[in-house]
Amino acid sequence: MAWTQTYTPLGNLYLSAAVAALPVVVLLGALAFFHVKAHLAALLGLGLALAIAIFVYGMPARMALGAAGYGAAFGLLPIGWIVLNAIFVYDLTVKTGKFEVVKETIAGLAGDRRIQVLLIAYAFGAFIEGAAGFGTPVAISAAMLIGLGFRPLQAAGLALIGNTAPVAYGALGTPIITLAKVTGLNEMALSAMAGRQLPLFSLIVPFWLVWAMSGFQGMLGVWPACLVAGLAFAIPQFVVSNFFGPSLVDIVAAGSCIVATYLFLKVWQPKAVWRFPEEREEGVMPAPGLRRSVGAAARRPTAGEAWLAWMPWIVLSVCVFAWGLPAVKGWMNGLFNPTFDVPFLHNLVQRAPPVVKALSPEAAKFSLNLLSATGTGLLLAGIVAGLWLGVKPAELLRTYGGTLRRVRFSLLTIAAMLALGFTTRYSGSDSTMGLAFASTGSLFPFFSPLLGWLGVALTGSDTSSNVLFGNLQVVSAQQVGMPPILAAAANSSGGVMGKMIDAQSIVVASVATDQHGQEGKILRYVFWHSLALAALVGVVTFVQTYWLSGMVPR
């Protein structure tokens, strides 16, 4: 029997929204202020979300449990599967000693920590985001930064901050493509509109990233590199999104950024190499004015050694890109992709106006797409790289077992957090929070991106946020006289800033940096960066609504 969502179960929108927000508040508060372990905080939030869904929103218990089970399964496949196998590749490179060579080659190009974070967290992370998405870039970038000698907290936080501007076009444009399908708006127009907002932030984020790590003075020391990296990403992002569509935006922009930054570093280096305070105390920091890379006195690896060391990451990039191609994914799904209707849930929950135009059943199908899942590409990359590096099959298995033991609690956390997100989605409590944002009248253009930010913080995915709030954005925009194309695109553009604080990404970052139990510290490190950048997207959207409406595609 079908059940229809209600969005004001307590008779008042704002009171209902306050109650709907309790699971998220409890989860984040437990992590940030009470230092509760992440898996326990997630289970606590999940229990509260189930109670509110059943006893406040009137959702049948079996539907609520079905939604939680669906979310937990999605948390393990594809997201947990990505995390597990990304860390496996990293563990292999460390175990074989090849990551030391990777560190030496990067130090030879740029011993300065500020340049390293631009290359890894911003440029390389954007490429991985464009090919795969779903937490892959945070896992890989954070692990690489740790291997380069970054402190765990900073490696996690910087990987999260760097993974912002590319997210709307991640996984070969999936968020924008999905947004077009959900809203019925033109895909090219949505791509172009987001491409007239995000390039500004693609230019800002390199400066912001370095500033967050080294302070304002530290950022001034490498501002030319920040500018080159930002422009080399922002310009192709604008051109491709406006004239070619969403699919290859990040791939082209990230490739341009990597090449341009690399070439620029061949002719320019910062006057002084910036290191972390504890490294300066050890005498690593040279005197001001000297251009010296860390380890410059040590023997540099030969070209053959460097290629062998980088080979796992090259294979990984190729596999991630291949697995992201629709043709490859479709072929693999044709070979093996059993799909199941989620019991007690599929098409039994109906979304209602004003969130959608008319009563609409919510599908709930789980695909066991093991072959086409990005994590499988990462696993193949690890196996190929391990055998290429001379690791015996038995040792590969032992390494994989060690990685699995290391991330077991984090996989539980991811499953519980996705279960929470799916419970709020199917109960309608997240739509209650969205309607509260949408009731802000003439200020809605400012709050429109913050609605997307909330959606990503709740679901962990810009794609899911677009599915959740895309129609609501369009309906609200029409009521206040805002262009629907702008409101829908703002949901995706604002959502990218929520990627820093969604529980899934924080857990992925904690796993990659071996900080289980320190998720609260990571959240505190990135929260204000996330909120400030989301508010800036709100300002841009507000200006485009009332003063620069000519920027909106017609």
Protein backbone atom coordinates (compact mmCIF):
# COMPACT_ATOMS: atom_id res chain seq x y z
CA MET A 1 0.00 0.00 0.00
CA ALA A 2 1.38 3.40 -1.00
CA TRP A 3 2.25 6.08 1.55
CA THR A 4 2.33 9.80 0.69
CA GLN A 5 4.90 12.10 2.22
CA THR A 6 3.77 15.05 4.32
CA TYR A 7 6.09 17.99 4.86
CA THR A 8 4.50 19.76 7.83
CA PRO A 9 3.67 16.88 10.20
CA LEU A 10 3.59 19.24 13.20
CA GLY A 11 1.34 21.77 11.48
CA ASN A 12 4.06 24.43 11.18
CA LEU A 13 6.80 24.38 8.55
CA TYR A 14 9.55 25.82 10.71
CA LEU A 15 8.77 23.66 13.76
CA SER A 16 8.65 20.60 11.49
CA ALA A 17 11.98 21.63 9.92
CA ALA A 18 13.58 21.99 13.35
CA VAL A 19 12.54 18.45 14.28
CA ALA A 20 13.58 17.12 10.85
CA ALA A 21 17.06 18.59 11.36
CA LEU A 22 17.63 16.79 14.68
CA PRO A 23 19.34 13.64 13.25
CA VAL A 24 21.86 15.76 11.31
CA VAL A 25 22.43 18.10 14.26
CA VAL A 26 22.95 15.15 16.61
CA LEU A 27 25.30 13.42 14.17
CA LEU A 28 27.45 16.47 13.50
CA GLY A 29 27.34 17.62 17.12
CA ALA A 30 28.39 14.20 18.39
CA LEU A 31 31.33 14.24 15.99
CA ALA A 32 32.40 17.85 16.41
CA PHE A 33 31.83 18.58 20.10
CA PHE A 34 31.44 15.33 22.04
CA HIS A 35 34.18 13.35 20.28
CA VAL A 36 31.93 10.33 19.79
CA LYS A 37 33.41 7.72 17.45
CA ALA A 38 32.07 8.15 13.95
CA HIS A 39 30.33 4.79 13.66
CA LEU A 40 28.57 5.31 17.00
CA ALA A 41 27.56 8.87 16.07
CA ALA A 42 26.21 7.60 12.74
CA LEU A 43 24.21 4.85 14.42
CA LEU A 44 22.85 7.38 16.93
CA GLY A 45 21.77 9.72 14.13
CA LEU A 46 20.24 6.80 12.22
CA GLY A 47 18.22 5.69 15.24
CA LEU A 48 16.87 9.21 15.70
CA ALA A 49 16.06 9.54 11.98
CA LEU A 50 14.10 6.28 12.07
CA ALA A 51 12.18 7.39 15.17
CA ILE A 52 11.26 10.75 13.58
CA ALA A 53 10.27 9.07 10.29
CA ILE A 54 7.97 6.60 12.04
CA PHE A 55 6.53 8.59 14.95
CA VAL A 56 6.53 12.16 13.59
CA TYR A 57 6.07 11.72 9.84
CA GLY A 58 3.91 8.61 10.12
CA MET A 59 6.01 6.55 7.75
CA PRO A 60 5.23 2.81 8.07
CA ALA A 61 8.00 1.11 10.05
CA ARG A 62 8.80 -1.45 7.39
CA MET A 63 9.20 1.30 4.79
CA ALA A 64 11.52 3.23 7.10
CA LEU A 65 13.61 0.11 7.72
CA GLY A 66 13.62 -0.62 3.98
CA ALA A 67 14.94 2.89 3.30
CA ALA A 68 17.67 2.46 5.93
CA GLY A 69 18.67 -0.91 4.47
CA TYR A 70 18.74 0.55 0.96
CA GLY A 71 21.01 3.36 2.14
CA ALA A 72 23.34 0.98 3.97
CA ALA A 73 23.67 -1.19 0.86
CA PHE A 74 24.41 1.87 -1.28
CA GLY A 75 26.97 2.97 1.29
CA LEU A 76 28.87 -0.28 0.84
CA LEU A 77 28.46 -0.45 -2.95
CA PRO A 78 29.61 1.71 -4.63
CA ILE A 79 31.03 4.08 -1.97
CA GLY A 80 32.64 1.70 0.51
CA TRP A 81 33.94 -0.39 -2.38
CA ILE A 82 35.71 2.70 -3.77
CA VAL A 83 37.27 3.56 -0.40
CA LEU A 84 38.49 0.02 0.26
CA ASN A 85 40.19 -0.39 -3.11
CA ALA A 86 41.63 3.13 -3.29
CA ILE A 87 43.35 2.56 0.05
CA PHE A 88 44.51 -0.87 -1.18
CA VAL A 89 46.36 0.77 -4.10
CA TYR A 90 47.96 3.24 -1.71
CA ASP A 91 48.95 0.50 0.75
CA LEU A 92 50.60 -1.43 -2.07
CA THR A 93 52.73 1.52 -3.12
CA VAL A 94 53.82 2.09 0.47
CA LYS A 95 54.53 -1.61 1.09
CA THR A 96 56.72 -1.90 -2.00
CA GLY A 97 58.59 1.31 -1.17
CA LYS A 98 57.53 2.97 -4.42
CA PHE A 99 55.75 5.80 -2.69
CA GLU A 100 59.12 7.03 -1.43
CA VAL A 101 60.15 7.45 -5.06
CA VAL A 102 56.87 9.25 -5.82
CA LYS A 103 57.64 11.63 -2.96
CA GLU A 104 61.14 12.25 -4.30
CA THR A 105 59.89 13.01 -7.83
CA ILE A 106 57.26 15.45 -6.52
CA ALA A 107 59.83 17.04 -4.21
CA GLY A 108 62.15 17.38 -7.21
CA LEU A 109 59.45 19.34 -9.00
CA ALA A 110 58.20 21.20 -5.93
CA GLY A 111 59.46 20.69 -2.40
CA ASP A 112 57.18 23.48 -1.25
CA ARG A 113 54.10 22.15 0.57
CA ARG A 114 51.93 24.86 -0.99
CA ILE A 115 52.76 23.72 -4.51
CA GLN A 116 52.28 20.08 -3.58
CA VAL A 117 48.77 20.73 -2.30
CA LEU A 118 47.91 22.57 -5.54
CA LEU A 119 49.15 19.67 -7.66
CA ILE A 120 47.56 16.85 -5.63
CA ALA A 121 44.48 18.16 -3.80
CA TYR A 122 43.37 20.57 -6.53
CA ALA A 123 44.62 19.52 -9.96
CA PHE A 124 44.98 15.72 -9.69
CA GLY A 125 41.93 15.47 -7.42
CA ALA A 126 39.85 17.32 -10.03
CA PHE A 127 40.85 14.80 -12.69
CA ILE A 128 39.79 11.89 -10.49
CA GLU A 129 36.53 13.72 -9.65
CA GLY A 130 35.81 14.22 -13.33
CA ALA A 131 36.34 10.55 -14.10
CA ALA A 132 34.78 8.87 -11.07
CA GLY A 133 33.35 11.09 -8.32
CA PHE A 134 31.59 9.47 -5.34
CA GLY A 135 34.42 10.03 -2.86
CA THR A 136 37.23 8.67 -5.05
CA PRO A 137 39.22 11.94 -5.32
CA VAL A 138 39.17 12.57 -1.57
CA ALA A 139 40.35 9.04 -0.82
CA ILE A 140 43.21 9.18 -3.34
CA SER A 141 44.30 12.78 -2.78
CA ALA A 142 44.29 12.49 1.01
CA ALA A 143 46.28 9.24 0.87
CA MET A 144 48.85 10.79 -1.45
CA LEU A 145 49.23 13.86 0.75
CA ILE A 146 49.80 11.63 3.79
CA GLY A 147 52.43 9.73 1.83
CA LEU A 148 54.13 13.02 0.97
CA GLY A 149 54.49 13.80 4.66
CA PHE A 150 51.46 16.01 5.32
CA ARG A 151 49.98 15.85 8.78
CA PRO A 152 46.88 13.62 8.84
CA LEU A 153 44.39 16.34 9.81
CA GLN A 154 45.64 18.74 7.17
CA ALA A 155 45.83 16.04 4.50
CA ALA A 156 42.18 15.20 5.11
CA GLY A 157 40.97 18.79 5.37
CA LEU A 158 42.89 20.04 2.34
CA ALA A 159 41.72 17.13 0.19
CA LEU A 160 38.14 18.04 1.12
CA ILE A 161 38.58 21.77 0.39
CA GLY A 162 40.27 21.03 -2.93
CA ASN A 163 37.41 18.77 -4.01
CA THR A 164 34.81 21.52 -4.51
CA ALA A 165 34.68 23.41 -7.81
CA PRO A 166 34.92 20.23 -9.99
CA VAL A 167 32.10 18.35 -8.22
CA ALA A 168 29.15 19.68 -10.28
CA TYR A 169 30.70 18.08 -13.40
CA GLY A 170 32.04 15.01 -11.60
CA ALA A 171 31.74 11.44 -12.89
CA LEU A 172 31.60 12.68 -16.49
CA GLY A 173 28.93 15.29 -15.80
CA THR A 174 26.51 13.02 -13.92
CA PRO A 175 25.13 15.70 -11.52
CA ILE A 176 24.18 18.11 -14.34
CA ILE A 177 22.86 15.35 -16.59
CA THR A 178 20.71 14.03 -13.73
CA LEU A 179 19.50 17.53 -12.86
CA ALA A 180 18.27 18.00 -16.44
CA LYS A 181 16.35 14.72 -16.31
CA VAL A 182 14.77 15.50 -12.94
CA THR A 183 13.68 19.06 -13.77
CA GLY A 184 12.95 18.69 -17.49
CA LEU A 185 15.19 21.70 -18.18
CA ASN A 186 17.65 21.86 -21.06
CA GLU A 187 20.89 20.04 -20.26
CA MET A 188 23.10 22.42 -22.23
CA ALA A 189 21.48 25.45 -20.57
CA LEU A 190 22.05 23.97 -17.10
CA SER A 191 25.64 23.11 -18.01
CA ALA A 192 26.21 26.64 -19.29
CA MET A 193 24.62 28.27 -16.23
CA ALA A 194 26.75 26.30 -13.79
CA GLY A 195 29.67 27.13 -16.06
CA ARG A 196 28.97 30.82 -15.50
CA GLN A 197 29.18 30.43 -11.74
CA LEU A 198 31.80 27.82 -10.91
CA PRO A 199 34.79 29.18 -12.89
CA LEU A 200 34.90 32.09 -10.44
CA PHE A 201 35.31 29.57 -7.61
CA SER A 202 37.76 27.49 -9.63
CA LEU A 203 39.90 30.63 -9.64
CA ILE A 204 39.34 31.32 -5.91
CA VAL A 205 39.82 27.80 -4.51
CA PRO A 206 43.59 27.47 -5.20
CA PHE A 207 44.19 30.68 -3.22
CA TRP A 208 41.73 29.57 -0.53
CA LEU A 209 43.34 26.14 -0.29
CA VAL A 210 46.85 27.48 0.20
CA TRP A 211 45.59 30.18 2.59
CA ALA A 212 43.86 27.52 4.72
CA MET A 213 47.14 25.65 5.03
CA SER A 214 49.81 28.35 5.26
CA GLY A 215 48.02 31.59 6.15
CA PHE A 216 47.70 34.78 4.13
CA GLN A 217 51.43 35.51 3.98
CA GLY A 218 52.12 31.95 2.91
CA MET A 219 49.56 32.27 0.14
CA LEU A 220 51.15 35.50 -1.11
CA GLY A 221 54.43 33.62 -1.56
CA VAL A 222 52.91 31.38 -4.26
CA TRP A 223 50.16 33.57 -5.67
CA PRO A 224 51.51 33.26 -9.26
CA ALA A 225 51.17 29.45 -9.08
CA CYS A 226 47.68 29.76 -7.58
CA LEU A 227 46.69 32.12 -10.39
CA VAL A 228 48.07 29.85 -13.11
CA ALA A 229 46.38 26.76 -11.64
CA GLY A 230 43.08 28.61 -11.20
CA LEU A 231 43.00 30.17 -14.66
CA ALA A 232 44.14 26.96 -16.34
CA PHE A 233 41.16 25.21 -14.75
CA ALA A 234 38.54 27.98 -14.88
CA ILE A 235 38.90 28.95 -18.56
CA PRO A 236 38.47 25.42 -19.99
CA GLN A 237 35.69 24.81 -17.45
CA PHE A 238 33.78 27.80 -18.83
CA VAL A 239 34.44 26.98 -22.50
CA VAL A 240 33.61 23.26 -22.34
CA SER A 241 30.54 23.69 -20.13
CA ASN A 242 29.09 26.43 -22.34
CA PHE A 243 29.89 25.08 -25.80
CA PHE A 244 30.31 21.30 -25.51
CA GLY A 245 28.21 20.12 -22.55
CA PRO A 246 28.87 18.70 -19.07
CA SER A 247 30.52 15.33 -19.71
CA LEU A 248 34.18 16.25 -20.25
CA VAL A 249 34.35 19.54 -18.35
CA ASP A 250 36.49 18.28 -15.45
CA ILE A 251 38.67 15.99 -17.56
CA VAL A 252 39.67 18.79 -19.93
CA ALA A 253 39.96 21.45 -17.21
CA ALA A 254 41.99 19.23 -14.86
CA GLY A 255 44.29 18.13 -17.65
CA SER A 256 44.86 21.76 -18.61
CA CYS A 257 45.52 22.65 -14.97
CA ILE A 258 48.07 19.87 -14.44
CA VAL A 259 50.00 20.63 -17.63
CA ALA A 260 49.96 24.42 -17.17
CA THR A 261 51.06 24.24 -13.54
CA TYR A 262 53.82 21.74 -14.37
CA LEU A 263 55.17 23.91 -17.18
CA PHE A 264 54.94 27.05 -15.06
CA LEU A 265 56.99 25.41 -12.31
CA LYS A 266 59.72 24.75 -14.86
CA VAL A 267 60.29 28.52 -15.14
CA TRP A 268 59.16 29.74 -11.71
CA GLN A 269 59.68 28.61 -8.12
CA PRO A 270 58.77 30.34 -4.83
CA LYS A 271 61.58 32.33 -3.25
CA ALA A 272 61.44 30.29 -0.03
CA VAL A 273 60.28 26.71 0.41
CA TRP A 274 57.36 26.60 2.85
CA ARG A 275 57.21 23.68 5.27
CA PHE A 276 55.14 22.77 8.31
CA PRO A 277 56.35 24.17 11.66
CA GLU A 278 57.62 20.81 12.92
CA GLU A 279 59.61 20.37 9.71
CA ARG A 280 61.17 23.81 10.13
CA GLU A 281 62.25 22.86 13.63
CA GLU A 282 64.08 19.90 12.16
CA GLY A 283 66.03 22.25 9.92
CA VAL A 284 64.25 21.40 6.69
CA MET A 285 63.23 24.99 5.97
CA PRO A 286 65.95 26.85 4.06
CA ALA A 287 66.75 30.47 4.66
CA PRO A 288 64.53 33.01 2.89
CA GLY A 289 65.49 33.60 -0.70
CA LEU A 290 66.96 30.14 -1.28
CA ARG A 291 65.39 27.89 -3.88
CA ARG A 292 66.04 24.42 -2.60
CA SER A 293 63.86 21.33 -2.69
CA VAL A 294 63.67 19.03 0.28
CA GLY A 295 66.00 16.14 -0.25
CA ALA A 296 67.89 17.97 -2.96
CA ALA A 297 71.14 16.57 -1.64
CA ALA A 298 69.85 13.01 -1.88
CA ARG A 299 70.12 10.95 -5.02
CA ARG A 300 67.28 11.69 -7.35
CA PRO A 301 65.46 8.68 -8.84
CA THR A 302 66.23 7.82 -12.44
CA ALA A 303 63.57 8.19 -15.11
CA GLY A 304 63.00 4.42 -15.07
CA GLU A 305 62.59 4.36 -11.29
CA ALA A 306 60.20 7.28 -11.41
CA TRP A 307 58.04 5.70 -14.11
CA LEU A 308 57.88 2.42 -12.19
CA ALA A 309 56.90 4.22 -8.99
CA TRP A 310 54.23 6.28 -10.72
CA MET A 311 52.93 3.31 -12.68
CA PRO A 312 50.27 2.28 -10.07
CA TRP A 313 48.83 5.79 -10.14
CA ILE A 314 48.92 5.91 -13.94
CA VAL A 315 47.14 2.55 -14.12
CA LEU A 316 44.66 3.80 -11.52
CA SER A 317 43.91 6.94 -13.55
CA VAL A 318 43.41 4.93 -16.73
CA CYS A 319 41.09 2.47 -14.98
CA VAL A 320 39.09 5.22 -13.30
CA PHE A 321 38.65 7.04 -16.61
CA ALA A 322 37.73 3.84 -18.48
CA TRP A 323 35.21 2.79 -15.84
CA GLY A 324 33.59 6.22 -16.06
CA LEU A 325 32.91 6.01 -19.80
CA PRO A 326 29.20 5.35 -20.48
CA ALA A 327 30.00 2.83 -23.23
CA VAL A 328 32.30 0.80 -20.96
CA LYS A 329 29.88 1.02 -18.05
CA GLY A 330 26.98 -0.04 -20.28
CA TRP A 331 28.94 -3.00 -21.67
CA MET A 332 29.85 -4.20 -18.18
CA ASN A 333 26.31 -3.78 -16.93
CA GLY A 334 25.20 -5.92 -19.87
CA LEU A 335 27.50 -8.69 -18.64
CA PHE A 336 26.46 -8.54 -14.97
CA ASN A 337 24.10 -6.14 -13.27
CA PRO A 338 21.35 -7.87 -11.27
CA THR A 339 18.86 -5.26 -10.06
CA PHE A 340 16.45 -5.74 -7.18
CA ASP A 341 13.36 -3.87 -6.06
CA VAL A 342 13.94 -2.85 -2.44
CA PRO A 343 11.32 -4.72 -0.35
CA PHE A 344 8.57 -2.61 1.26
CA LEU A 345 9.90 0.53 -0.45
CA HIS A 346 10.05 0.49 -4.26
CA ASN A 347 7.32 2.81 -5.69
CA LEU A 348 5.45 2.72 -2.36
CA VAL A 349 6.56 6.18 -1.16
CA GLN A 350 4.97 9.09 -3.03
CA ARG A 351 6.47 12.58 -3.15
CA ALA A 352 3.88 15.32 -3.14
CA PRO A 353 3.53 18.98 -4.19
CA PRO A 354 5.13 21.48 -3.81
CA VAL A 355 8.30 19.39 -3.86
CA VAL A 356 7.12 17.90 -7.17
CA LYS A 357 4.46 19.06 -9.61
CA ALA A 358 2.18 16.05 -9.01
CA LEU A 359 2.17 12.92 -6.85
CA SER A 360 5.21 10.92 -7.89
CA PRO A 361 6.22 7.42 -6.69
CA GLU A 362 9.82 7.09 -5.54
CA ALA A 363 11.70 4.23 -7.13
CA ALA A 364 13.99 2.12 -4.95
CA LYS A 365 16.07 -0.29 -7.00
CA PHE A 366 19.44 -1.61 -5.90
CA SER A 367 21.91 -2.62 -8.59
CA LEU A 368 24.60 -5.14 -7.76
CA ASN A 369 26.81 -3.64 -10.46
CA LEU A 370 30.07 -5.12 -9.25
CA LEU A 371 31.70 -5.10 -12.68
CA SER A 372 30.91 -1.50 -13.60
CA ALA A 373 31.47 -0.03 -10.12
CA THR A 374 34.45 2.34 -9.98
CA GLY A 375 35.84 0.42 -7.02
CA THR A 376 36.29 -2.61 -9.26
CA GLY A 377 38.44 -0.53 -11.59
CA LEU A 378 40.52 0.50 -8.58
CA LEU A 379 40.84 -3.14 -7.50
CA LEU A 380 42.02 -4.12 -10.98
CA ALA A 381 44.50 -1.25 -10.91
CA GLY A 382 45.85 -2.52 -7.58
CA ILE A 383 46.21 -6.11 -8.83
CA VAL A 384 47.89 -5.06 -12.10
CA ALA A 385 50.20 -2.64 -10.30
CA GLY A 386 51.07 -5.17 -7.61
CA LEU A 387 51.98 -7.90 -10.10
CA TRP A 388 53.92 -5.39 -12.20
CA LEU A 389 55.89 -4.39 -9.11
CA GLY A 390 56.72 -8.03 -8.41
CA VAL A 391 54.35 -8.62 -5.51
CA LYS A 392 53.34 -12.30 -5.26
CA PRO A 393 49.61 -13.16 -5.32
CA ALA A 394 49.70 -14.43 -1.71
CA GLU A 395 51.25 -11.14 -0.58
CA LEU A 396 48.61 -9.22 -2.54
CA LEU A 397 45.91 -11.10 -0.63
CA ARG A 398 47.59 -10.40 2.72
CA THR A 399 47.87 -6.71 1.87
CA TYR A 400 44.22 -6.59 0.85
CA GLY A 401 43.22 -8.32 4.08
CA GLY A 402 45.21 -5.77 6.06
CA THR A 403 43.49 -2.91 4.22
CA LEU A 404 40.08 -4.45 4.91
CA ARG A 405 40.84 -4.76 8.62
CA ARG A 406 42.01 -1.15 8.70
CA VAL A 407 38.82 0.26 7.17
CA ARG A 408 36.22 -2.10 8.67
CA PHE A 409 34.78 0.42 11.15
CA SER A 410 34.83 3.13 8.51
CA LEU A 411 32.79 0.92 6.17
CA LEU A 412 30.26 0.51 8.98
CA THR A 413 30.22 4.29 9.43
CA ILE A 414 29.62 4.93 5.74
CA ALA A 415 26.81 2.36 5.68
CA ALA A 416 25.13 3.93 8.74
CA MET A 417 25.46 7.47 7.41
CA LEU A 418 23.98 6.57 4.03
CA ALA A 419 21.20 4.71 5.85
CA LEU A 420 20.46 7.94 7.72
CA GLY A 421 20.45 9.95 4.47
CA PHE A 422 18.10 7.56 2.70
CA THR A 423 15.76 7.47 5.71
CA THR A 424 15.42 11.27 5.69
CA ARG A 425 14.96 11.26 1.92
CA TYR A 426 12.18 8.67 1.80
CA SER A 427 10.42 9.95 4.93
CA GLY A 428 10.31 13.47 3.45
CA SER A 429 12.04 15.13 6.40
CA ASP A 430 14.83 16.51 4.19
CA SER A 431 12.19 18.08 1.92
CA THR A 432 10.75 19.79 5.00
CA MET A 433 14.13 21.44 5.55
CA GLY A 434 14.27 22.35 1.88
CA LEU A 435 10.83 23.97 1.98
CA ALA A 436 11.97 26.08 4.92
CA PHE A 437 14.80 27.42 2.76
CA ALA A 438 12.43 27.92 -0.16
CA SER A 439 10.06 30.08 1.90
CA THR A 440 12.50 33.01 2.08
CA GLY A 441 10.78 35.07 -0.65
CA SER A 442 12.91 37.69 -2.40
CA LEU A 443 15.98 36.38 -0.56
CA PHE A 444 15.51 32.96 -2.11
CA PRO A 445 18.20 33.55 -4.78
CA PHE A 446 20.73 33.79 -1.94
CA PHE A 447 19.39 30.71 -0.16
CA SER A 448 18.97 28.67 -3.33
CA PRO A 449 22.63 27.50 -3.38
CA LEU A 450 22.45 26.89 0.38
CA LEU A 451 19.60 24.49 -0.30
CA GLY A 452 21.94 22.55 -2.60
CA TRP A 453 24.62 22.78 0.08
CA LEU A 454 22.19 21.24 2.58
CA GLY A 455 21.28 18.52 0.09
CA VAL A 456 24.88 17.43 -0.40
CA ALA A 457 25.58 17.64 3.34
CA LEU A 458 22.63 15.27 3.88
CA THR A 459 23.14 12.85 0.99
CA GLY A 460 26.89 13.05 0.33
CA SER A 461 26.33 13.54 -3.39
CA ASP A 462 25.71 16.50 -5.69
CA THR A 463 23.76 14.13 -7.93
CA SER A 464 21.51 13.04 -5.06
CA SER A 465 21.02 16.65 -3.96
CA ASN A 466 19.90 17.54 -7.49
CA VAL A 467 17.43 14.66 -7.46
CA LEU A 468 16.19 15.67 -4.02
CA PHE A 469 15.82 19.42 -4.48
CA GLY A 470 15.94 20.08 -8.26
CA ASN A 471 12.18 20.30 -8.72
CA LEU A 472 11.75 22.24 -5.49
CA GLN A 473 14.23 24.82 -6.78
CA VAL A 474 12.28 25.24 -10.01
CA VAL A 475 8.89 25.56 -8.26
CA SER A 476 10.25 28.06 -5.72
CA ALA A 477 12.00 30.11 -8.42
CA GLN A 478 8.80 30.46 -10.40
CA GLN A 479 7.01 31.75 -7.29
CA VAL A 480 9.58 34.50 -6.60
CA GLY A 481 10.36 35.48 -10.22
CA MET A 482 13.81 33.90 -10.36
CA PRO A 483 14.89 32.18 -13.62
CA PRO A 484 14.34 28.41 -13.10
CA ILE A 485 17.56 27.60 -15.00
CA LEU A 486 19.51 29.73 -12.53
CA ALA A 487 17.85 28.20 -9.46
CA ALA A 488 18.39 24.64 -10.64
CA ALA A 489 22.03 25.27 -11.56
CA ALA A 490 22.57 27.06 -8.23
CA ASN A 491 21.48 23.88 -6.46
CA SER A 492 24.39 22.07 -8.06
CA SER A 493 26.87 24.96 -7.73
CA GLY A 494 26.08 25.51 -4.06
CA GLY A 495 26.01 21.78 -3.46
CA VAL A 496 29.68 21.40 -4.34
CA MET A 497 30.60 23.35 -1.20
CA GLY A 498 28.63 20.92 0.93
CA LYS A 499 30.89 18.13 -0.27
CA MET A 500 33.42 19.20 2.38
CA ILE A 501 31.14 18.50 5.31
CA ASP A 502 28.99 15.58 4.25
CA ALA A 503 29.55 12.71 6.61
CA GLN A 504 30.47 10.31 3.83
CA SER A 505 33.34 12.49 2.58
CA ILE A 506 34.63 13.11 6.11
CA VAL A 507 34.74 9.37 6.80
CA VAL A 508 36.47 8.74 3.46
CA ALA A 509 39.06 11.37 4.37
CA SER A 510 39.55 9.88 7.85
CA VAL A 511 40.09 6.41 6.37
CA ALA A 512 42.55 7.67 3.76
CA THR A 513 44.60 9.43 6.43
CA ASP A 514 44.26 6.66 9.06
CA GLN A 515 42.39 8.92 11.49
CA HIS A 516 39.55 6.68 12.60
CA GLY A 517 37.88 8.37 15.56
CA GLN A 518 39.09 11.84 14.53
CA GLU A 519 36.20 12.68 12.22
CA GLY A 520 35.09 15.50 14.54
CA LYS A 521 38.42 17.26 14.14
CA ILE A 522 38.17 17.00 10.37
CA LEU A 523 34.63 18.40 10.46
CA ARG A 524 35.72 21.36 12.57
CA TYR A 525 38.67 21.97 10.24
CA VAL A 526 36.48 22.33 7.12
CA PHE A 527 33.06 23.47 8.34
CA TRP A 528 33.55 27.24 8.20
CA HIS A 529 35.34 26.98 4.85
CA SER A 530 32.33 25.09 3.52
CA LEU A 531 29.76 27.54 4.86
CA ALA A 532 31.69 30.63 3.71
CA LEU A 533 32.13 29.35 0.16
CA ALA A 534 28.46 28.29 -0.01
CA ALA A 535 27.44 31.79 1.11
CA LEU A 536 29.64 33.27 -1.65
CA VAL A 537 27.80 31.12 -4.20
CA GLY A 538 24.61 32.57 -2.71
CA VAL A 539 25.90 36.11 -3.25
CA VAL A 540 26.82 35.33 -6.87
CA THR A 541 23.39 33.80 -7.52
CA PHE A 542 21.64 36.78 -5.90
CA VAL A 543 23.59 39.20 -8.11
CA GLN A 544 22.87 37.14 -11.23
CA THR A 545 19.16 37.17 -10.40
CA TYR A 546 18.67 40.89 -9.87
CA TRP A 547 21.56 42.72 -11.55
CA LEU A 548 23.33 40.39 -13.99
CA SER A 549 20.35 38.50 -15.37
CA GLY A 550 21.95 38.64 -18.82
CA MET A 551 24.29 35.87 -17.67
CA VAL A 552 21.37 33.43 -17.52
CA PRO A 553 21.00 31.30 -20.70
CA ARG A 554 17.69 31.84 -22.49
